[in-house]
C-alpha atoms as a PDB file:
ATOM      1  CA  UNK A   1      31.545   0.411  13.454  1.00  0.00           C
ATOM      2  CA  UNK A   2      28.325  -1.588  11.345  1.00  0.00           C
ATOM      3  CA  UNK A   3      26.128   0.622   9.963  1.00  0.00           C
ATOM      4  CA  UNK A   4      22.831  -1.203   8.229  1.00  0.00           C
ATOM      5  CA  UNK A   5      19.444  -0.100   6.944  1.00  0.00           C
ATOM      6  CA  UNK A   6      17.421  -2.079   8.553  1.00  0.00           C
ATOM      7  CA  UNK A   7      13.635  -1.251   7.116  1.00  0.00           C
ATOM      8  CA  UNK A   8      12.340   0.530   4.666  1.00  0.00           C
ATOM      9  CA  UNK A   9       8.853   2.424   4.024  1.00  0.00           C
ATOM     10  CA  UNK A  10       7.382   3.396   0.307  1.00  0.00           C
ATOM     11  CA  UNK A  11       4.069   4.862  -0.083  1.00  0.00           C
ATOM     12  CA  UNK A  12       2.309   4.256  -3.314  1.00  0.00           C
ATOM     13  CA  UNK A  13      -0.348   6.935  -4.742  1.00  0.00           C
ATOM     14  CA  UNK A  14      -3.075   4.659  -7.041  1.00  0.00           C
ATOM     15  CA  UNK A  15      -6.005   6.181  -8.651  1.00  0.00           C
ATOM     16  CA  UNK A  16      -8.494   3.763  -9.802  1.00  0.00           C
ATOM     17  CA  UNK A  17     -12.125   4.543 -11.308  1.00  0.00           C
ATOM     18  CA  UNK A  18     -13.823   6.113  -8.018  1.00  0.00           C
ATOM     19  CA  UNK A  19     -11.027   5.968  -6.425  1.00  0.00           C
ATOM     20  CA  UNK A  20      -7.664   7.723  -4.826  1.00  0.00           C
ATOM     21  CA  UNK A  21      -5.979   5.590  -2.712  1.00  0.00           C
ATOM     22  CA  UNK A  22      -2.326   5.705  -0.675  1.00  0.00           C
ATOM     23  CA  UNK A  23      -1.009   2.909   0.101  1.00  0.00           C
ATOM     24  CA  UNK A  24       2.025   2.050   2.112  1.00  0.00           C
ATOM     25  CA  UNK A  25       4.907  -1.118   2.004  1.00  0.00           C
ATOM     26  CA  UNK A  26       7.164  -1.774   5.239  1.00  0.00           C
ATOM     27  CA  UNK A  27      10.173  -3.911   4.849  1.00  0.00           C
ATOM     28  CA  UNK A  28      12.016  -4.695   8.105  1.00  0.00           C
ATOM     29  CA  UNK A  29      14.612  -6.597   6.483  1.00  0.00           C
ATOM     30  CA  UNK A  30      16.899  -7.802   9.912  1.00  0.00           C
ATOM     31  CA  UNK A  31      13.550  -9.587  10.618  1.00  0.00           C
ATOM     32  CA  UNK A  32      12.320 -10.716   7.626  1.00  0.00           C
ATOM     33  CA  UNK A  33       8.944  -9.183   7.771  1.00  0.00           C
ATOM     34  CA  UNK A  34       7.052  -6.655   5.384  1.00  0.00           C
ATOM     35  CA  UNK A  35       3.749  -5.502   5.106  1.00  0.00           C
ATOM     36  CA  UNK A  36       1.469  -3.629   2.410  1.00  0.00           C
ATOM     37  CA  UNK A  37      -1.462  -1.072   4.694  1.00  0.00           C
ATOM     38  CA  UNK A  38      -3.868   1.077   2.695  1.00  0.00           C
ATOM     39  CA  UNK A  39      -3.566   4.623   4.525  1.00  0.00           C
ATOM     40  CA  UNK A  40      -6.363   6.206   2.808  1.00  0.00           C
ATOM     41  CA  UNK A  41      -9.013   5.593   0.369  1.00  0.00           C
ATOM     42  CA  UNK A  42     -10.773   8.421  -0.475  1.00  0.00           C
ATOM     43  CA  UNK A  43     -13.682   9.570  -3.088  1.00  0.00           C
ATOM     44  CA  UNK A  44     -13.104  11.652  -6.125  1.00  0.00           C
ATOM     45  CA  UNK A  45     -14.630  14.700  -3.974  1.00  0.00           C
ATOM     46  CA  UNK A  46     -11.380  13.928  -1.864  1.00  0.00           C
ATOM     47  CA  UNK A  47     -13.518  12.856   1.083  1.00  0.00           C
ATOM     48  CA  UNK A  48     -12.693   9.595   2.955  1.00  0.00           C
ATOM     49  CA  UNK A  49     -13.946   6.745   2.186  1.00  0.00           C
ATOM     50  CA  UNK A  50     -14.926   3.200   4.538  1.00  0.00           C
ATOM     51  CA  UNK A  51     -14.981   0.478   2.779  1.00  0.00           C
ATOM     52  CA  UNK A  52     -16.368  -3.056   3.874  1.00  0.00           C
ATOM     53  CA  UNK A  53     -13.332  -5.384   5.127  1.00  0.00           C
ATOM     54  CA  UNK A  54     -13.458  -7.775   2.075  1.00  0.00           C
ATOM     55  CA  UNK A  55     -14.025  -4.760  -0.837  1.00  0.00           C
ATOM     56  CA  UNK A  56     -10.702  -3.356   1.034  1.00  0.00           C
ATOM     57  CA  UNK A  57      -9.201  -6.229   1.110  1.00  0.00           C
ATOM     58  CA  UNK A  58      -9.792  -7.593  -2.646  1.00  0.00           C
ATOM     59  CA  UNK A  59      -8.885  -4.226  -3.979  1.00  0.00           C
ATOM     60  CA  UNK A  60      -5.998  -4.268  -1.442  1.00  0.00           C
ATOM     61  CA  UNK A  61      -4.879  -7.304  -3.249  1.00  0.00           C
ATOM     62  CA  UNK A  62      -5.063  -5.979  -7.051  1.00  0.00           C
ATOM     63  CA  UNK A  63      -2.874  -2.955  -5.900  1.00  0.00           C
ATOM     64  CA  UNK A  64       0.151  -4.634  -4.742  1.00  0.00           C
ATOM     65  CA  UNK A  65      -0.160  -7.706  -7.585  1.00  0.00           C
ATOM     66  CA  UNK A  66      -0.198  -4.300 -10.558  1.00  0.00           C
ATOM     67  CA  UNK A  67       2.699  -2.911  -8.460  1.00  0.00           C
ATOM     68  CA  UNK A  68       4.927  -6.189  -8.221  1.00  0.00           C
ATOM     69  CA  UNK A  69       4.094  -6.755 -12.023  1.00  0.00           C
ATOM     70  CA  UNK A  70       5.473  -3.140 -12.258  1.00  0.00           C
ATOM     71  CA  UNK A  71       8.487  -3.290 -10.258  1.00  0.00           C
ATOM     72  CA  UNK A  72       9.723  -7.008 -11.841  1.00  0.00           C
END
């Protein structure tokens, strides 16, 4: 019998000046694929925030870079 873990997911909670963000990292090791997805962005009151695409993309890139630096 061969058993192997082929995927994993990690969820990170990030608090920055104006927002609380939940971001997920998903890794499929059997097909060499990974992705990051923002699950939610909330303001200080806990209400969902819908950011423009470019702002959300830039925010996600900064978060990914910071998490990568911390895990090295």
